[in-house]
Amino acid sequence: MIITRTPYRISFFGGGTDYPDWVQEEGGAVLSTTIDKYCYLHVRHYPPFFNVKYRVVWSHIESVSSISEILHPAVREGLRFLKFDESTGLEIQHQGDLPARAGMGSSSAFSVGLIKALTAMRGQIISKYDLATKAIELEQGVLKESVGSQDQIATAYGGFNVIHFIKTGGFQVEPVTLPTAEISALNRKLMLFYTGSSRLSSDISKDIVSHIPDHRSILRKMRSYVDVAVDILSKGDLDEFGRLLHEAWMLKRELSPKVTNPMIDMIYKNALDHGALGGKLLGAGGTGFMVLYVPEERQQEVRQALYGLVEVPFQFETEGCAIIYYDADDTRKMNHHE
């Protein structure tokens, strides 16, 4: 058995400049961090005593006899993408610390964790670069999802990073090097709230991508905020980082009317009125998790103002996708039957 643990991420600046259509024209960059909330995948050789070959446990429980019968698109196409045949059965179970489709990069965390687990089942060690690249190829090339490339990289690598997307292809991950005390101080000033419900980010992404020609100046400015934010952090001006989050969120709302809605606007205004300096809805938008920058002396006030929303305490993490359990005997069985 293999168990992978893949972190969710918070994206601060540059989101939207990681879509392939934009990157191919101008390149892009994103500033993000991973946090200590995770997607877990348990993958093991499925015993040959049953009349099915695959058992996949997610929001459904699937017991099927062939890869083509698997309903979960990432599992079905992931197995095909990695060239698994049907000579060996598998059981794949998913658990997550946070709701899916809520702006935390959960879909990409699943893809990254799945690829890590399946390659490990074959006794292979995959680099972080190859892991992220394969997850991007699975989501964009195989599944044909209208998604960017930041989440796959962030969750594969882990940490507080600037991710550079190169116009000619590929990416570079640049860790943000700050004193530990400053990173901890930034972490303490961030609050994460669940606004409720979930949505398919690809629906909003499609709308954003379709209007890229109309929003070039906005996307260029959003990209520039990455450099501004890093400069602000290097000077230790954390409150200015929070104010820049507000500017970036106001700008992102111009990309598509689907990015926000009256409920989200009301929640955000309420937070600002009670002490938040800035914040944003995470992911493509619409609903899900909202991150807020709030000076510590005002956090209880914001907490009370947003009473009824679930607050999620979190810490930054640095490991990225990792194997946290490895049963060599089960892996050998798997390799023997392939």
Protein backbone atom coordinates (compact mmCIF):
# COMPACT_ATOMS: atom_id res chain seq x y z
CA MET A 1 0.00 0.00 0.00
CA ILE A 2 1.04 3.58 -0.74
CA ILE A 3 -0.42 6.60 1.06
CA THR A 4 0.30 10.03 -0.38
CA ARG A 5 -0.36 13.32 1.36
CA THR A 6 -0.67 16.39 -0.87
CA PRO A 7 -1.19 19.89 0.54
CA TYR A 8 -3.79 22.39 -0.53
CA ARG A 9 -2.59 25.84 -1.52
CA ILE A 10 -3.38 29.52 -1.06
CA SER A 11 -2.64 31.67 -4.11
CA PHE A 12 -1.98 35.33 -3.32
CA PHE A 13 -1.04 37.10 -6.57
CA GLY A 14 -0.77 36.41 -10.29
CA GLY A 15 -3.66 33.98 -10.67
CA GLY A 16 -4.92 34.06 -14.26
CA THR A 17 -1.44 34.50 -15.74
CA ASP A 18 -0.92 30.74 -15.49
CA TYR A 19 -3.50 29.81 -18.13
CA PRO A 20 -1.78 28.21 -21.16
CA ASP A 21 -3.28 30.66 -23.67
CA TRP A 22 -1.78 33.59 -21.75
CA VAL A 23 1.55 31.93 -20.90
CA GLN A 24 2.25 31.15 -24.56
CA GLU A 25 1.90 34.85 -25.38
CA GLU A 26 3.47 36.64 -22.42
CA GLY A 27 4.57 34.19 -19.73
CA GLY A 28 3.30 34.57 -16.19
CA ALA A 29 4.00 34.30 -12.49
CA VAL A 30 2.12 33.40 -9.31
CA LEU A 31 2.92 33.92 -5.63
CA SER A 32 1.44 31.15 -3.48
CA THR A 33 1.95 28.94 -0.45
CA THR A 34 0.87 25.48 0.57
CA ILE A 35 -0.79 24.90 3.94
CA ASP A 36 -1.15 22.06 6.43
CA LYS A 37 -4.49 20.86 5.06
CA TYR A 38 -4.19 17.83 2.81
CA CYS A 39 -5.58 15.47 0.21
CA TYR A 40 -4.82 11.83 1.11
CA LEU A 41 -4.80 8.95 -1.36
CA HIS A 42 -4.53 5.30 -0.32
CA VAL A 43 -3.55 3.05 -3.23
CA ARG A 44 -3.05 -0.68 -2.90
CA HIS A 45 -3.07 -3.93 -4.81
CA TYR A 46 -6.67 -5.18 -4.78
CA PRO A 47 -6.90 -8.81 -3.63
CA PRO A 48 -7.81 -11.23 -6.44
CA PHE A 49 -10.57 -12.93 -4.45
CA PHE A 50 -13.36 -10.61 -5.59
CA ASN A 51 -15.28 -10.43 -8.84
CA VAL A 52 -14.15 -6.87 -9.55
CA LYS A 53 -10.73 -5.42 -10.41
CA TYR A 54 -11.02 -1.83 -9.21
CA ARG A 55 -12.47 -0.26 -6.10
CA VAL A 56 -12.45 3.55 -6.06
CA VAL A 57 -13.70 5.37 -2.99
CA TRP A 58 -14.42 9.09 -3.22
CA SER A 59 -17.84 10.78 -2.88
CA HIS A 60 -19.01 7.54 -4.50
CA ILE A 61 -17.91 3.95 -3.96
CA GLU A 62 -17.12 2.26 -7.26
CA SER A 63 -16.52 -1.45 -7.72
CA VAL A 64 -15.89 -2.21 -11.37
CA SER A 65 -14.18 -4.77 -13.58
CA SER A 66 -12.31 -2.52 -16.02
CA ILE A 67 -10.61 0.84 -16.18
CA SER A 68 -13.13 2.08 -18.74
CA GLU A 69 -15.94 1.58 -16.21
CA ILE A 70 -14.40 3.90 -13.60
CA LEU A 71 -16.51 7.03 -13.23
CA HIS A 72 -13.92 9.24 -11.55
CA PRO A 73 -12.36 10.97 -14.57
CA ALA A 74 -8.93 11.65 -13.04
CA VAL A 75 -8.59 8.06 -11.81
CA ARG A 76 -9.79 6.51 -15.07
CA GLU A 77 -7.67 8.71 -17.32
CA GLY A 78 -4.77 8.76 -14.88
CA LEU A 79 -4.47 4.98 -15.08
CA ARG A 80 -4.57 5.12 -18.86
CA PHE A 81 -2.14 8.05 -18.96
CA LEU A 82 0.40 6.08 -16.90
CA LYS A 83 -0.24 2.99 -19.07
CA PHE A 84 -1.69 0.70 -16.43
CA ASP A 85 -3.37 -2.32 -17.91
CA GLU A 86 -5.98 -4.59 -16.33
CA SER A 87 -3.70 -7.42 -15.31
CA THR A 88 -3.64 -6.12 -11.74
CA GLY A 89 -6.52 -4.76 -9.68
CA LEU A 90 -6.25 -1.61 -7.59
CA GLU A 91 -8.07 -0.02 -4.70
CA ILE A 92 -7.87 3.77 -4.55
CA GLN A 93 -9.36 5.71 -1.64
CA HIS A 94 -9.52 9.48 -1.30
CA GLN A 95 -9.90 11.58 1.82
CA GLY A 96 -9.55 15.35 2.12
CA ASP A 97 -9.24 17.79 4.98
CA LEU A 98 -11.26 20.43 3.10
CA PRO A 99 -14.23 20.34 0.71
CA ALA A 100 -13.54 19.80 -2.97
CA ARG A 101 -14.16 22.46 -5.61
CA ALA A 102 -13.74 25.29 -3.11
CA GLY A 103 -10.74 27.19 -4.46
CA MET A 104 -7.96 25.40 -2.57
CA GLY A 105 -6.47 23.53 -5.53
CA SER A 106 -8.09 20.26 -4.48
CA SER A 107 -8.46 18.83 -7.99
CA SER A 108 -4.79 19.31 -8.75
CA ALA A 109 -3.81 18.01 -5.32
CA PHE A 110 -5.74 14.85 -6.20
CA SER A 111 -4.01 14.52 -9.58
CA VAL A 112 -0.57 15.11 -8.09
CA GLY A 113 -1.16 12.64 -5.25
CA LEU A 114 -2.54 10.03 -7.64
CA ILE A 115 0.45 10.22 -9.99
CA LYS A 116 2.86 10.10 -7.06
CA ALA A 117 1.14 7.01 -5.66
CA LEU A 118 0.80 5.15 -8.95
CA THR A 119 4.43 5.69 -9.93
CA ALA A 120 5.52 4.60 -6.45
CA MET A 121 3.45 1.42 -6.82
CA ARG A 122 5.80 0.58 -9.68
CA GLY A 123 8.81 1.26 -7.50
CA GLN A 124 9.63 4.47 -9.34
CA ILE A 125 10.83 7.74 -7.82
CA ILE A 126 9.45 10.79 -9.61
CA SER A 127 10.97 14.25 -9.29
CA LYS A 128 8.84 17.21 -8.23
CA TYR A 129 9.29 18.78 -11.66
CA ASP A 130 8.14 15.65 -13.49
CA LEU A 131 5.30 15.14 -11.01
CA ALA A 132 3.94 18.64 -11.61
CA THR A 133 4.47 18.36 -15.37
CA LYS A 134 2.58 15.06 -15.59
CA ALA A 135 -0.28 16.44 -13.49
CA ILE A 136 -0.54 19.45 -15.80
CA GLU A 137 -0.55 17.16 -18.84
CA LEU A 138 -3.23 14.96 -17.27
CA GLU A 139 -5.55 17.85 -16.44
CA GLN A 140 -5.00 20.08 -19.46
CA GLY A 141 -4.05 17.59 -22.17
CA VAL A 142 -5.93 14.41 -21.29
CA LEU A 143 -8.94 15.63 -19.31
CA LYS A 144 -9.16 18.83 -21.40
CA GLU A 145 -9.91 20.94 -18.34
CA SER A 146 -9.86 24.73 -18.64
CA VAL A 147 -7.44 25.16 -15.76
CA GLY A 148 -4.15 26.91 -15.19
CA SER A 149 -0.85 25.38 -14.20
CA GLN A 150 -0.14 26.89 -10.79
CA ASP A 151 -1.96 24.39 -8.57
CA GLN A 152 -0.18 21.30 -9.86
CA ILE A 153 3.20 22.94 -9.29
CA ALA A 154 2.37 24.43 -5.90
CA THR A 155 1.04 21.18 -4.48
CA ALA A 156 3.87 19.07 -5.91
CA TYR A 157 6.63 21.34 -4.56
CA GLY A 158 5.16 22.77 -1.38
CA GLY A 159 6.33 25.94 0.31
CA PHE A 160 6.02 29.70 -0.16
CA ASN A 161 7.10 30.32 -3.76
CA VAL A 162 7.03 32.47 -6.83
CA ILE A 163 6.21 30.17 -9.74
CA HIS A 164 7.43 31.54 -13.07
CA PHE A 165 5.70 30.31 -16.24
CA ILE A 166 8.01 30.50 -19.22
CA LYS A 167 6.59 31.60 -22.57
CA THR A 168 8.62 29.03 -24.48
CA GLY A 169 7.48 26.23 -22.17
CA GLY A 170 8.10 24.88 -18.68
CA PHE A 171 8.30 26.66 -15.36
CA GLN A 172 10.67 27.63 -12.56
CA VAL A 173 9.96 27.57 -8.83
CA GLU A 174 11.65 30.33 -6.81
CA PRO A 175 11.29 29.96 -3.02
CA VAL A 176 10.54 33.23 -1.22
CA THR A 177 13.39 33.54 1.25
CA LEU A 178 12.30 35.50 4.32
CA PRO A 179 13.25 35.32 7.99
CA THR A 180 11.29 32.63 9.81
CA ALA A 181 9.86 35.24 12.18
CA GLU A 182 8.43 37.24 9.27
CA ILE A 183 6.88 34.18 7.63
CA SER A 184 5.30 33.27 10.98
CA ALA A 185 4.03 36.83 11.42
CA LEU A 186 2.41 36.77 7.97
CA ASN A 187 0.84 33.40 8.72
CA ARG A 188 -0.67 34.77 11.96
CA LYS A 189 -2.27 37.72 10.12
CA LEU A 190 -4.10 35.51 7.62
CA MET A 191 -7.56 34.12 8.32
CA LEU A 192 -9.30 31.51 6.18
CA PHE A 193 -13.10 31.24 6.01
CA TYR A 194 -15.37 28.84 4.16
CA THR A 195 -18.15 30.80 2.47
CA GLY A 196 -20.13 27.64 1.74
CA SER A 197 -20.98 25.46 -1.25
CA SER A 198 -18.65 24.60 -4.10
CA ARG A 199 -18.34 25.01 -7.84
CA LEU A 200 -16.45 23.72 -10.83
CA SER A 201 -13.60 26.20 -11.28
CA SER A 202 -13.32 25.19 -14.93
CA ASP A 203 -16.68 26.85 -15.61
CA ILE A 204 -15.34 30.22 -14.45
CA SER A 205 -11.94 29.57 -16.00
CA LYS A 206 -13.54 29.03 -19.42
CA ASP A 207 -15.17 32.44 -19.18
CA ILE A 208 -11.89 34.09 -18.12
CA VAL A 209 -9.90 32.37 -20.87
CA SER A 210 -12.46 33.29 -23.54
CA HIS A 211 -12.05 36.97 -22.65
CA ILE A 212 -8.24 37.06 -22.40
CA PRO A 213 -7.94 39.30 -25.52
CA ASP A 214 -10.15 41.87 -23.77
CA HIS A 215 -8.24 41.84 -20.49
CA ARG A 216 -4.57 42.03 -21.42
CA SER A 217 -3.90 45.15 -19.37
CA ILE A 218 -5.56 43.61 -16.31
CA LEU A 219 -3.56 40.40 -16.56
CA ARG A 220 -0.31 42.32 -17.02
CA LYS A 221 -1.05 44.32 -13.89
CA MET A 222 -1.96 41.17 -11.96
CA ARG A 223 1.37 39.69 -13.00
CA SER A 224 3.20 42.83 -11.84
CA TYR A 225 1.66 42.47 -8.37
CA VAL A 226 3.77 39.34 -7.85
CA ASP A 227 6.98 41.39 -8.01
CA VAL A 228 5.46 44.18 -5.92
CA ALA A 229 4.39 41.70 -3.25
CA VAL A 230 7.83 40.10 -3.03
CA ASP A 231 9.40 43.55 -2.71
CA ILE A 232 6.94 44.47 0.05
CA LEU A 233 7.74 41.28 1.93
CA SER A 234 11.48 41.87 1.57
CA LYS A 235 10.98 45.22 3.34
CA GLY A 236 8.91 43.61 6.11
CA ASP A 237 5.81 45.73 5.45
CA LEU A 238 3.20 43.05 6.08
CA ASP A 239 0.22 45.41 6.32
CA GLU A 240 1.05 46.74 2.85
CA PHE A 241 0.94 43.11 1.66
CA GLY A 242 -2.64 42.96 2.97
CA ARG A 243 -3.59 46.19 1.20
CA LEU A 244 -2.13 44.86 -2.05
CA LEU A 245 -4.31 41.77 -1.69
CA HIS A 246 -7.32 44.11 -1.70
CA GLU A 247 -6.11 45.86 -4.87
CA ALA A 248 -5.53 42.53 -6.60
CA TRP A 249 -8.99 41.25 -5.64
CA MET A 250 -10.65 44.41 -6.98
CA LEU A 251 -8.71 43.88 -10.21
CA LYS A 252 -9.53 40.18 -10.52
CA ARG A 253 -13.26 40.95 -10.28
CA GLU A 254 -12.94 42.67 -13.66
CA LEU A 255 -11.93 39.45 -15.43
CA SER A 256 -15.40 37.92 -15.34
CA PRO A 257 -18.78 38.64 -13.71
CA LYS A 258 -18.63 35.05 -12.44
CA VAL A 259 -15.61 35.74 -10.20
CA THR A 260 -17.84 37.11 -7.44
CA ASN A 261 -21.51 37.49 -6.49
CA PRO A 262 -23.57 39.62 -4.07
CA MET A 263 -23.11 37.17 -1.17
CA ILE A 264 -19.32 37.14 -1.56
CA ASP A 265 -19.24 40.92 -1.90
CA MET A 266 -21.25 41.27 1.32
CA ILE A 267 -18.94 38.91 3.23
CA TYR A 268 -15.86 40.74 1.99
CA LYS A 269 -17.23 44.20 2.80
CA ASN A 270 -18.24 43.01 6.27
CA ALA A 271 -14.67 41.80 6.86
CA LEU A 272 -13.19 45.13 5.69
CA ASP A 273 -15.59 47.08 7.87
CA HIS A 274 -14.37 45.18 10.92
CA GLY A 275 -10.63 45.34 10.45
CA ALA A 276 -9.44 43.30 7.45
CA LEU A 277 -7.00 45.20 5.22
CA GLY A 278 -7.53 42.97 2.23
CA GLY A 279 -8.25 39.49 1.04
CA LYS A 280 -9.61 37.48 -1.84
CA LEU A 281 -11.77 34.56 -2.79
CA LEU A 282 -9.45 31.67 -3.61
CA GLY A 283 -9.38 29.77 -6.87
CA ALA A 284 -11.19 30.93 -9.98
CA GLY A 285 -13.90 32.55 -7.87
CA GLY A 286 -17.65 32.27 -7.40
CA THR A 287 -17.65 30.72 -3.95
CA GLY A 288 -15.57 28.55 -1.64
CA PHE A 289 -12.76 29.71 0.66
CA MET A 290 -11.85 33.33 1.33
CA VAL A 291 -8.48 34.36 2.75
CA LEU A 292 -8.28 37.64 4.67
CA TYR A 293 -5.35 39.67 5.92
CA VAL A 294 -6.31 40.95 9.39
CA PRO A 295 -4.05 42.58 12.01
CA GLU A 296 -4.06 40.32 15.04
CA GLU A 297 -5.72 42.91 17.31
CA ARG A 298 -8.74 43.03 14.94
CA GLN A 299 -9.15 39.31 14.30
CA GLN A 300 -11.71 38.65 17.00
CA GLU A 301 -13.81 41.49 15.63
CA VAL A 302 -13.69 39.99 12.14
CA ARG A 303 -14.43 36.56 13.56
CA GLN A 304 -17.57 37.89 15.23
CA ALA A 305 -18.61 39.83 12.12
CA LEU A 306 -18.39 36.65 10.05
CA TYR A 307 -20.18 34.54 12.62
CA GLY A 308 -21.79 31.57 10.87
CA LEU A 309 -18.90 30.99 8.49
CA VAL A 310 -16.47 28.18 9.27
CA GLU A 311 -13.00 29.47 10.10
CA VAL A 312 -10.11 27.15 9.27
CA PRO A 313 -6.89 27.74 11.26
CA PHE A 314 -3.84 26.77 9.23
CA GLN A 315 -0.06 26.86 9.08
CA PHE A 316 2.20 27.22 6.05
CA GLU A 317 3.87 23.96 5.04
CA THR A 318 7.01 23.30 3.00
CA GLU A 319 7.07 19.62 2.03
CA GLY A 320 4.64 19.35 -0.85
CA CYS A 321 3.33 16.00 -2.05
CA ALA A 322 4.88 13.18 -0.03
CA ILE A 323 4.57 9.45 0.54
CA ILE A 324 3.70 8.99 4.19
CA TYR A 325 3.25 5.21 4.11
CA TYR A 326 4.89 2.60 1.92
CA ASP A 327 4.30 -1.15 2.12
CA ALA A 328 7.07 -2.75 0.08
CA ASP A 329 5.47 -6.19 0.14
CA ASP A 330 2.27 -4.92 -1.42
CA THR A 331 4.24 -3.01 -4.04
CA ARG A 332 6.16 -6.15 -4.97
CA LYS A 333 2.86 -8.00 -5.44
CA MET A 334 1.74 -5.19 -7.70
CA ASN A 335 4.87 -5.32 -9.84
CA HIS A 336 4.72 -9.12 -10.01
CA HIS A 337 1.22 -9.10 -11.45
CA GLU A 338 1.72 -6.31 -13.97
